[in-house]
Amino acid sequence: MSDRFDCFVVFAEMRTGSNFLEANLNAFDGITCHGEAFNPHFIGYPNSEDILGITQDERDVDPTRLLGQIRKATPSGIGGFRYFHDHDPRILNSLLTDPKIGKIILTRNPVDSYVSWKIAQATGQWKLTNVKRRKDGQAQFDATEFEQHLADLQAFQVQIMNTLQRSAQTAFYVAYEDLQDVDIMNGLAKWLGASSHLDSLNTALKRQNPQPVSEKVKNFDEMEGSLARLDRFNLTRTPNFEPRRGPVVPSYVAAAKTPLLYMPIRSGPETAVCQWLSSLDDVDDNALERNFKQNTLRAWKRQRPGHRSFTVIRHPLARAHEAFCSKILTTKKGSFAGIRKTLRRAHNLPIPEGEPDDEYTVDAHRTAFTSYLAWTKANLLGQTAVRVDGHWATQAQCIQGMSEFTLPDMIIREDEMALYLPALAMQVGHTAPPEPTANPNSAPYALAQIYDDQIEALAREAYMRDYIMFGFDNWA
């Protein structure tokens, strides 16, 4: 149908109106959108078993096979799908660099999409086709969570923009507000090569939360205050917006009085270090300075000549065990429920469906953790459909990411904190710094109870870069 494109991709995010856009695209003769084709947790739609005869397991083995099938499945038309920033990263470069794949970029004010997402989480209602079944709910604004939401959106949009610039491509941009304009939808279809025309838009999907934002957020005043501290930029006109902030600056923690800045690496001894920073100045944890942005961190540095920054690295095996127990094994708040479900279903990770109980033995823990280490190796090599999260990314890569804005003055090993943290505090004028206190990790069984040569070998295979970069020996 189209001489320009073989297929198309809609780059969007949750709660940006992508379902509504897909419904209208599918209303055109010759256009077929196959949902979230590369969502790591399902294929197409939550209850689908396949797309064009290719199952989720087959797609996870070779995502390019599904892309090829979508290309050739509609010889008299064009097929496509929706792709979000946390979908299978292995296929992204192929999507971005191939000029025969049409790029549609759907954007929405990040505040609106975040609030909509929080309401959907609270009510469990992700689509609305009958207004009588609408569920009321309000969002609870979390400043740190929103900062991460915004950073993820920005990083993804910048990656798209830069790749298209380098490969001399352009995209069709659609704002959330454009979705109600039938002329724009007809223009989009024409751009894709369709000859059909719509007189009206799909009316099956209803807008779920039409109220003003002030009525949709429980702690609206707190949200206003948090947003007022952000740098001003036009949130709706992506991808050309600033600032392009680093991914970890909001996680930095500064002491209340002593000019020390802690740059955490996830799944490390964050709790122990923060407790030490609190005891350093004899203050509560909430007195520590957090939620930095690049401009506020620069100000902090300027106001404290002689300041020092540091990070603490943990033995890769101990860190992997912490990530496994706190993010994958448990079902408690803070765990990664979606990834957990995918690892159980698609990668046969032998962990309980719910929270581990008395039937979860030490042998079961050893088996599950060894399986997790094997999966982590594949994930870090880009061989799985699940994102590489900061909780299990290599520490070398985490520190490299920090360098986009600033580098730590000192990299301290966890088992040497008692020696080097007080010494670092004395260098910035503290006369009698306390020693840090170890904080036990939350795990059904200690690493020492399951440690053996096999586990050490698997950790080395997964984290060889950290072992070599930082000179780690065997854990025991």
Protein backbone atom coordinates (compact mmCIF):
# COMPACT_ATOMS: atom_id res chain seq x y z
CA MET A 1 0.00 0.00 0.00
CA SER A 2 2.81 2.41 0.87
CA ASP A 3 5.88 2.95 -1.25
CA ARG A 4 7.44 4.81 1.66
CA PHE A 5 6.99 2.31 4.51
CA ASP A 6 6.82 -1.46 5.04
CA CYS A 7 5.32 -1.08 8.54
CA PHE A 8 5.00 1.51 11.29
CA VAL A 9 5.66 1.97 14.99
CA VAL A 10 3.87 4.27 17.42
CA PHE A 11 6.36 5.47 20.02
CA ALA A 12 4.27 6.30 23.07
CA GLU A 13 3.94 5.64 26.81
CA MET A 14 1.26 4.44 29.18
CA ARG A 15 -1.65 6.87 29.57
CA THR A 16 -0.78 8.98 26.54
CA GLY A 17 -3.88 7.99 24.52
CA SER A 18 -2.18 5.23 22.56
CA ASN A 19 -5.19 2.90 22.84
CA PHE A 20 -7.42 5.58 21.33
CA LEU A 21 -4.90 6.27 18.57
CA GLU A 22 -4.69 2.56 17.77
CA ALA A 23 -8.48 2.21 17.65
CA ASN A 24 -8.68 5.02 15.08
CA LEU A 25 -5.80 3.69 13.01
CA ASN A 26 -7.52 0.30 12.85
CA ALA A 27 -10.67 2.02 11.56
CA PHE A 28 -8.87 2.81 8.29
CA ASP A 29 -8.99 0.21 5.53
CA GLY A 30 -5.52 -1.25 5.04
CA ILE A 31 -4.06 -0.22 8.43
CA THR A 32 -3.62 -2.76 11.21
CA CYS A 33 -2.05 -1.97 14.58
CA HIS A 34 -1.14 -5.05 16.64
CA GLY A 35 -1.03 -3.51 20.12
CA GLU A 36 2.11 -3.65 22.27
CA ALA A 37 3.91 -6.21 20.15
CA PHE A 38 7.16 -6.08 22.13
CA ASN A 39 5.89 -5.65 25.68
CA PRO A 40 8.12 -8.01 27.73
CA HIS A 41 5.18 -9.15 29.88
CA PHE A 42 2.71 -10.06 27.12
CA ILE A 43 2.38 -10.00 23.34
CA GLY A 44 0.05 -7.45 21.79
CA TYR A 45 -2.56 -7.37 24.54
CA PRO A 46 -2.65 -8.82 28.10
CA ASN A 47 -4.76 -11.86 27.15
CA SER A 48 -3.36 -12.52 23.66
CA GLU A 49 -1.45 -15.70 22.89
CA ASP A 50 0.21 -14.66 19.65
CA ILE A 51 0.53 -12.07 16.90
CA LEU A 52 0.17 -13.39 13.36
CA GLY A 53 0.95 -16.93 14.56
CA ILE A 54 4.09 -16.00 16.51
CA THR A 55 3.86 -16.71 20.23
CA GLN A 56 5.39 -14.70 23.04
CA ASP A 57 8.03 -17.37 23.68
CA GLU A 58 8.99 -17.37 19.99
CA ARG A 59 9.17 -13.58 20.00
CA ASP A 60 11.36 -13.54 23.10
CA VAL A 61 13.83 -15.89 21.42
CA ASP A 62 14.03 -13.76 18.27
CA PRO A 63 12.16 -10.42 18.25
CA THR A 64 13.20 -9.72 14.65
CA ARG A 65 11.06 -12.65 13.54
CA LEU A 66 7.89 -10.92 14.73
CA LEU A 67 8.95 -7.65 13.12
CA GLY A 68 9.43 -9.47 9.83
CA GLN A 69 6.04 -11.13 10.12
CA ILE A 70 4.32 -7.78 10.69
CA ARG A 71 6.09 -6.37 7.63
CA LYS A 72 4.85 -9.05 5.26
CA ALA A 73 1.45 -9.89 6.78
CA THR A 74 -0.51 -7.13 5.02
CA PRO A 75 0.66 -7.00 1.38
CA SER A 76 -2.25 -4.72 0.40
CA GLY A 77 -1.94 -2.58 3.51
CA ILE A 78 0.43 -1.73 6.34
CA GLY A 79 0.84 -3.17 9.81
CA GLY A 80 2.35 -1.70 12.92
CA PHE A 81 2.41 -1.68 16.71
CA ARG A 82 2.93 0.47 19.80
CA TYR A 83 6.33 0.65 21.51
CA PHE A 84 7.03 2.13 24.99
CA HIS A 85 10.39 2.99 26.54
CA ASP A 86 10.46 -0.20 28.66
CA HIS A 87 9.64 -2.62 25.84
CA ASP A 88 12.14 -5.13 24.45
CA PRO A 89 15.34 -3.09 24.00
CA ARG A 90 16.84 -5.58 21.52
CA ILE A 91 14.52 -4.43 18.73
CA LEU A 92 14.74 -0.67 19.33
CA ASN A 93 17.80 0.05 17.20
CA SER A 94 16.27 -1.77 14.24
CA LEU A 95 13.08 0.26 14.59
CA LEU A 96 14.90 3.57 14.81
CA THR A 97 17.46 3.11 12.05
CA ASP A 98 15.28 1.52 9.36
CA PRO A 99 13.80 4.25 7.10
CA LYS A 100 11.20 1.76 5.80
CA ILE A 101 9.55 1.74 9.24
CA GLY A 102 7.27 4.77 9.69
CA LYS A 103 7.69 6.49 13.06
CA ILE A 104 4.66 8.00 14.78
CA ILE A 105 5.54 9.82 18.01
CA LEU A 106 2.68 10.33 20.43
CA THR A 107 3.27 12.72 23.33
CA ARG A 108 1.31 14.00 26.30
CA ASN A 109 2.03 16.44 29.10
CA PRO A 110 4.02 14.25 31.54
CA VAL A 111 2.07 15.55 34.52
CA ASP A 112 -1.23 14.49 32.95
CA SER A 113 0.07 11.06 31.95
CA TYR A 114 1.57 10.52 35.43
CA VAL A 115 -1.67 11.50 37.20
CA SER A 116 -3.70 9.30 34.85
CA TRP A 117 -1.33 6.39 35.51
CA LYS A 118 -1.62 6.82 39.30
CA ILE A 119 -5.43 6.90 39.11
CA ALA A 120 -5.49 3.77 36.95
CA GLN A 121 -3.26 2.04 39.50
CA ALA A 122 -5.57 3.10 42.33
CA THR A 123 -8.80 2.03 40.60
CA GLY A 124 -7.58 -0.90 38.51
CA GLN A 125 -9.40 0.59 35.51
CA TRP A 126 -7.13 1.04 32.48
CA LYS A 127 -9.79 1.44 29.76
CA LEU A 128 -13.32 2.83 29.76
CA THR A 129 -15.97 1.92 27.19
CA ASN A 130 -19.08 2.48 29.32
CA VAL A 131 -19.27 5.64 31.43
CA LYS A 132 -21.65 3.90 33.86
CA ARG A 133 -18.78 1.58 34.84
CA ARG A 134 -16.33 4.37 35.53
CA LYS A 135 -14.51 4.04 38.86
CA ASP A 136 -13.69 7.15 40.86
CA GLY A 137 -10.21 7.58 42.24
CA GLN A 138 -7.52 10.15 43.02
CA ALA A 139 -3.79 10.14 42.46
CA GLN A 140 -1.23 10.44 45.25
CA PHE A 141 1.61 12.54 43.84
CA ASP A 142 5.11 11.27 44.66
CA ALA A 143 7.79 13.81 43.73
CA THR A 144 10.64 11.29 43.51
CA GLU A 145 8.57 8.89 41.42
CA PHE A 146 7.52 11.72 39.09
CA GLU A 147 11.13 12.85 38.67
CA GLN A 148 12.02 9.33 37.54
CA HIS A 149 8.95 9.21 35.27
CA LEU A 150 10.02 12.47 33.65
CA ALA A 151 13.65 11.41 33.32
CA ASP A 152 12.64 8.16 31.60
CA LEU A 153 10.43 10.02 29.13
CA GLN A 154 13.13 12.56 28.35
CA ALA A 155 15.86 9.99 27.86
CA PHE A 156 13.67 7.97 25.50
CA GLN A 157 12.59 11.01 23.47
CA VAL A 158 16.17 12.25 23.17
CA GLN A 159 17.31 8.81 21.99
CA ILE A 160 14.59 8.77 19.32
CA MET A 161 15.34 12.32 18.21
CA ASN A 162 19.10 11.86 17.99
CA THR A 163 18.86 8.58 16.08
CA LEU A 164 16.43 10.03 13.55
CA GLN A 165 18.69 13.06 13.12
CA ARG A 166 21.75 10.92 12.48
CA SER A 167 19.91 8.71 9.97
CA ALA A 168 18.24 11.62 8.14
CA GLN A 169 14.70 10.56 9.04
CA THR A 170 11.65 12.40 10.24
CA ALA A 171 8.59 11.28 12.18
CA PHE A 172 4.88 12.11 12.35
CA TYR A 173 4.27 13.86 15.67
CA VAL A 174 0.90 13.59 17.40
CA ALA A 175 0.05 15.31 20.68
CA TYR A 176 -2.58 13.90 23.03
CA GLU A 177 -4.82 16.86 22.19
CA ASP A 178 -4.58 16.00 18.44
CA LEU A 179 -6.30 12.65 18.94
CA GLN A 180 -9.75 14.25 18.83
CA ASP A 181 -9.08 15.92 15.45
CA VAL A 182 -10.40 13.75 12.62
CA ASP A 183 -8.47 15.78 10.04
CA ILE A 184 -5.18 15.02 11.78
CA MET A 185 -6.06 11.32 11.92
CA ASN A 186 -6.84 11.40 8.19
CA GLY A 187 -3.52 13.15 7.58
CA LEU A 188 -1.71 10.47 9.54
CA ALA A 189 -3.40 7.70 7.56
CA LYS A 190 -2.47 9.44 4.30
CA TRP A 191 1.14 9.72 5.52
CA LEU A 192 1.13 5.94 6.08
CA GLY A 193 -0.16 5.42 2.54
CA ALA A 194 -3.83 4.72 3.18
CA SER A 195 -6.38 5.89 0.64
CA SER A 196 -9.40 5.54 2.94
CA HIS A 197 -10.91 8.42 4.87
CA LEU A 198 -12.80 8.78 8.17
CA ASP A 199 -15.76 11.08 8.66
CA SER A 200 -15.74 10.64 12.45
CA LEU A 201 -13.53 9.13 15.14
CA ASN A 202 -13.93 5.94 17.15
CA THR A 203 -16.24 6.55 20.10
CA ALA A 204 -15.88 3.20 21.91
CA LEU A 205 -13.15 4.44 24.27
CA LYS A 206 -14.12 7.18 26.70
CA ARG A 207 -11.88 9.66 28.48
CA GLN A 208 -11.65 8.33 32.02
CA ASN A 209 -10.72 11.40 34.07
CA PRO A 210 -11.96 14.64 32.48
CA GLN A 211 -11.73 16.71 35.69
CA PRO A 212 -9.10 19.41 36.31
CA VAL A 213 -5.79 18.12 37.70
CA SER A 214 -6.50 19.90 41.00
CA GLU A 215 -9.48 17.57 41.55
CA LYS A 216 -7.63 14.42 40.51
CA VAL A 217 -4.68 14.68 42.92
CA LYS A 218 -5.08 14.15 46.67
CA ASN A 219 -2.02 16.20 47.61
CA PHE A 220 -2.34 18.84 44.89
CA ASP A 221 -0.64 21.59 46.94
CA GLU A 222 2.38 19.36 47.50
CA MET A 223 2.47 18.58 43.77
CA GLU A 224 2.36 22.29 42.89
CA GLY A 225 5.28 22.96 45.18
CA SER A 226 7.34 20.12 43.72
CA LEU A 227 6.66 21.16 40.13
CA ALA A 228 7.47 24.78 40.88
CA ARG A 229 11.03 23.73 41.73
CA LEU A 230 11.52 22.14 38.32
CA ASP A 231 13.27 24.12 35.60
CA ARG A 232 10.76 25.74 33.27
CA PHE A 233 10.36 24.09 29.90
CA ASN A 234 7.50 23.25 27.59
CA LEU A 235 6.56 19.74 28.64
CA THR A 236 4.26 19.01 25.73
CA ARG A 237 6.57 19.75 22.82
CA THR A 238 8.90 16.80 22.91
CA PRO A 239 11.51 15.90 21.82
CA ASN A 240 13.03 19.39 21.77
CA PHE A 241 12.81 20.13 25.49
CA GLU A 242 15.33 20.74 28.25
CA PRO A 243 16.92 19.96 30.59
CA ARG A 244 18.39 16.62 29.55
CA ARG A 245 19.07 15.50 33.10
CA GLY A 246 21.15 12.59 34.16
CA PRO A 247 19.29 9.51 35.34
CA VAL A 248 20.67 9.33 38.89
CA VAL A 249 21.06 12.90 40.20
CA PRO A 250 17.73 12.78 42.14
CA SER A 251 19.05 9.79 44.10
CA TYR A 252 22.05 11.65 45.57
CA VAL A 253 22.02 12.30 49.34
CA ALA A 254 23.91 15.06 51.16
CA ALA A 255 24.66 15.30 54.87
CA ALA A 256 22.73 17.92 56.82
CA LYS A 257 25.82 19.93 57.92
CA THR A 258 29.03 18.15 56.94
CA PRO A 259 29.85 18.86 53.25
CA LEU A 260 29.61 15.26 52.10
CA LEU A 261 27.58 13.98 49.13
CA TYR A 262 26.66 10.31 48.77
CA MET A 263 26.03 9.03 45.22
CA PRO A 264 24.27 5.69 45.75
CA ILE A 265 24.42 2.64 43.53
CA ARG A 266 21.18 0.69 43.76
CA SER A 267 21.19 -2.62 45.66
CA GLY A 268 24.16 -1.35 47.66
CA PRO A 269 24.41 -0.40 51.37
CA GLU A 270 22.21 2.69 50.95
CA THR A 271 20.43 2.36 54.29
CA ALA A 272 23.67 1.93 56.26
CA VAL A 273 25.34 4.92 54.57
CA CYS A 274 22.32 7.17 55.08
CA GLN A 275 22.16 6.18 58.75
CA TRP A 276 25.85 7.09 59.05
CA LEU A 277 25.25 10.47 57.40
CA SER A 278 22.46 11.12 59.92
CA SER A 279 24.61 10.15 62.91
CA LEU A 280 27.47 12.25 61.54
CA ASP A 281 25.55 15.45 62.30
CA ASP A 282 23.27 13.97 64.97
CA VAL A 283 20.08 14.53 62.96
CA ASP A 284 17.11 12.48 61.82
CA ASP A 285 17.08 10.85 58.41
CA ASN A 286 14.60 13.42 57.08
CA ALA A 287 17.18 16.18 57.70
CA LEU A 288 19.41 14.79 54.94
CA GLU A 289 19.25 16.66 51.64
CA ARG A 290 17.68 14.67 48.81
CA ASN A 291 15.85 15.04 45.51
CA PHE A 292 18.61 17.04 43.84
CA LYS A 293 18.41 18.32 40.32
CA GLN A 294 21.43 19.38 38.31
CA ASN A 295 20.94 23.06 39.11
CA THR A 296 20.29 22.52 42.83
CA LEU A 297 23.29 20.18 43.08
CA ARG A 298 25.52 22.78 41.40
CA ALA A 299 24.28 25.32 43.95
CA TRP A 300 25.00 22.89 46.80
CA LYS A 301 28.56 22.44 45.52
CA ARG A 302 29.16 26.17 45.07
CA GLN A 303 27.99 26.92 48.61
CA ARG A 304 30.33 24.31 50.13
CA PRO A 305 33.94 24.83 49.04
CA GLY A 306 36.00 21.78 49.90
CA HIS A 307 33.04 19.39 49.69
CA ARG A 308 33.64 15.73 48.93
CA SER A 309 31.46 13.20 47.13
CA PHE A 310 31.62 9.43 47.31
CA THR A 311 29.92 6.21 46.33
CA VAL A 312 30.07 2.76 47.89
CA ILE A 313 30.42 -0.39 45.83
CA ARG A 314 29.35 -3.81 47.03
CA HIS A 315 30.71 -7.23 46.08
CA PRO A 316 28.83 -8.19 42.88
CA LEU A 317 27.55 -11.44 44.36
CA ALA A 318 26.22 -9.80 47.53
CA ARG A 319 24.65 -7.05 45.45
CA ALA A 320 23.00 -9.58 43.12
CA HIS A 321 21.58 -11.39 46.15
CA GLU A 322 20.18 -8.11 47.50
CA ALA A 323 18.58 -7.25 44.14
CA PHE A 324 17.08 -10.73 43.87
CA CYS A 325 15.63 -10.74 47.40
CA SER A 326 14.32 -7.14 47.46
CA LYS A 327 13.06 -6.77 43.88
CA ILE A 328 12.26 -10.23 42.49
CA LEU A 329 11.70 -12.81 45.25
CA THR A 330 9.42 -10.72 47.44
CA THR A 331 6.00 -9.35 46.54
CA LYS A 332 6.15 -6.49 49.04
CA LYS A 333 6.02 -2.80 48.21
CA GLY A 334 9.00 -1.77 46.13
CA SER A 335 9.36 -5.10 44.35
CA PHE A 336 9.13 -5.36 40.57
CA ALA A 337 5.83 -7.21 40.20
CA GLY A 338 5.72 -7.13 36.39
CA ILE A 339 9.28 -8.36 35.94
CA ARG A 340 8.75 -10.96 38.67
CA LYS A 341 5.74 -12.34 36.81
CA THR A 342 7.64 -12.42 33.53
CA LEU A 343 10.63 -14.21 35.06
CA ARG A 344 8.36 -16.87 36.55
CA ARG A 345 6.38 -17.38 33.36
CA ALA A 346 8.81 -16.82 30.51
CA HIS A 347 12.11 -17.74 32.16
CA ASN A 348 10.90 -20.45 34.55
CA LEU A 349 12.40 -18.76 37.60
CA PRO A 350 11.54 -21.18 40.43
CA ILE A 351 10.12 -18.75 42.97
CA PRO A 352 6.74 -18.91 44.74
CA GLU A 353 3.73 -17.23 43.17
CA GLY A 354 3.27 -15.22 46.36
CA GLU A 355 5.48 -14.19 49.25
CA PRO A 356 7.94 -16.97 50.33
CA ASP A 357 6.60 -18.95 53.29
CA ASP A 358 7.81 -21.85 55.44
CA GLU A 359 7.73 -24.18 52.44
CA TYR A 360 10.41 -22.08 50.75
CA THR A 361 13.51 -23.93 51.97
CA VAL A 362 17.18 -22.99 51.86
CA ASP A 363 17.66 -25.46 48.98
CA ALA A 364 14.81 -23.80 47.10
CA HIS A 365 16.47 -20.43 47.71
CA ARG A 366 19.78 -21.69 46.33
CA THR A 367 18.07 -23.06 43.22
CA ALA A 368 16.11 -19.87 42.62
CA PHE A 369 19.13 -17.62 43.10
CA THR A 370 21.33 -19.63 40.73
CA SER A 371 18.58 -19.40 38.13
CA TYR A 372 18.37 -15.65 38.69
CA LEU A 373 22.14 -15.24 38.21
CA ALA A 374 21.95 -17.10 34.90
CA TRP A 375 19.10 -14.83 33.79
CA THR A 376 21.02 -11.73 34.89
CA LYS A 377 23.94 -12.66 32.65
CA ALA A 378 21.59 -12.91 29.65
CA ASN A 379 19.86 -9.67 30.62
CA LEU A 380 23.14 -7.73 30.86
CA LEU A 381 24.16 -9.09 27.47
CA GLY A 382 20.95 -7.77 25.93
CA GLN A 383 19.50 -11.23 25.31
CA THR A 384 16.18 -10.80 27.13
CA ALA A 385 13.11 -8.66 26.58
CA VAL A 386 13.29 -7.17 30.10
CA ARG A 387 15.02 -3.84 30.76
CA VAL A 388 18.42 -3.68 32.44
CA ASP A 389 17.44 -2.04 35.71
CA GLY A 390 19.82 -0.04 37.88
CA HIS A 391 19.38 -2.50 40.73
CA TRP A 392 21.29 -5.17 38.80
CA ALA A 393 23.20 -3.21 36.16
CA THR A 394 26.98 -3.42 36.58
CA GLN A 395 28.40 -0.97 39.07
CA ALA A 396 30.94 0.10 36.47
CA GLN A 397 28.09 1.15 34.19
CA CYS A 398 26.33 2.97 37.02
CA ILE A 399 29.43 5.02 37.78
CA GLN A 400 29.90 5.73 34.09
CA GLY A 401 26.35 7.08 34.04
CA MET A 402 27.18 9.37 36.98
CA SER A 403 30.06 10.81 34.98
CA GLU A 404 27.61 12.48 32.59
CA PHE A 405 27.23 15.12 35.29
CA THR A 406 29.79 14.57 38.04
CA LEU A 407 32.13 11.90 39.38
CA PRO A 408 32.62 10.78 42.99
CA ASP A 409 35.84 11.88 44.67
CA MET A 410 36.12 8.47 46.29
CA ILE A 411 34.86 4.97 45.50
CA ILE A 412 34.69 3.00 48.74
CA ARG A 413 34.21 -0.74 49.08
CA GLU A 414 31.46 -1.81 51.45
CA ASP A 415 33.77 -3.91 53.61
CA GLU A 416 36.07 -0.87 54.08
CA MET A 417 33.40 1.69 55.03
CA ALA A 418 34.40 1.62 58.73
CA LEU A 419 37.87 2.83 57.77
CA TYR A 420 37.29 5.22 54.89
CA LEU A 421 34.00 6.94 55.70
CA PRO A 422 35.26 8.45 59.01
CA ALA A 423 38.52 9.41 57.30
CA LEU A 424 36.57 11.15 54.54
CA ALA A 425 34.52 13.07 57.12
CA MET A 426 37.71 14.19 58.88
CA GLN A 427 39.05 15.53 55.57
CA VAL A 428 36.15 17.99 55.42
CA GLY A 429 36.55 19.15 59.01
CA HIS A 430 34.59 16.73 61.18
CA THR A 431 36.52 16.19 64.40
CA ALA A 432 34.97 12.98 65.72
CA PRO A 433 33.04 11.07 63.03
CA PRO A 434 31.28 7.87 64.09
CA GLU A 435 31.85 4.52 62.42
CA PRO A 436 29.11 3.22 60.12
CA THR A 437 26.93 0.37 61.36
CA ALA A 438 26.13 -2.56 59.09
CA ASN A 439 22.48 -2.90 58.19
CA PRO A 440 21.26 -6.48 57.63
CA ASN A 441 19.56 -7.17 54.31
CA SER A 442 16.02 -8.44 54.16
CA ALA A 443 16.23 -12.00 52.86
CA PRO A 444 14.66 -15.33 53.83
CA TYR A 445 18.15 -16.87 53.95
CA ALA A 446 21.57 -15.29 54.19
CA LEU A 447 23.95 -15.54 51.26
CA ALA A 448 26.35 -17.50 53.47
CA GLN A 449 23.75 -20.25 53.81
CA ILE A 450 23.63 -20.93 50.07
CA TYR A 451 27.10 -19.88 48.89
CA ASP A 452 29.11 -22.41 46.90
CA ASP A 453 31.51 -22.53 43.95
CA GLN A 454 28.68 -22.69 41.43
CA ILE A 455 27.10 -19.48 42.71
CA GLU A 456 30.47 -17.70 42.69
CA ALA A 457 31.11 -18.84 39.11
CA LEU A 458 27.69 -17.66 37.94
CA ALA A 459 28.25 -14.28 39.58
CA ARG A 460 31.61 -13.93 37.83
CA GLU A 461 30.04 -14.77 34.48
CA ALA A 462 27.29 -12.19 34.95
CA TYR A 463 29.45 -9.46 36.49
CA MET A 464 32.87 -10.07 34.98
CA ARG A 465 33.15 -6.36 34.22
CA ASP A 466 32.81 -5.42 37.90
CA TYR A 467 35.14 -8.20 39.06
CA ILE A 468 37.84 -6.99 36.69
CA MET A 469 37.21 -3.24 36.97
CA PHE A 470 37.27 -3.17 40.78
CA GLY A 471 39.48 -6.18 41.51
CA PHE A 472 36.90 -8.18 43.45
CA ASP A 473 38.01 -11.58 44.75
CA ASN A 474 35.68 -14.45 45.59
CA TRP A 475 32.93 -13.47 48.03
CA ALA A 476 34.14 -16.09 50.54
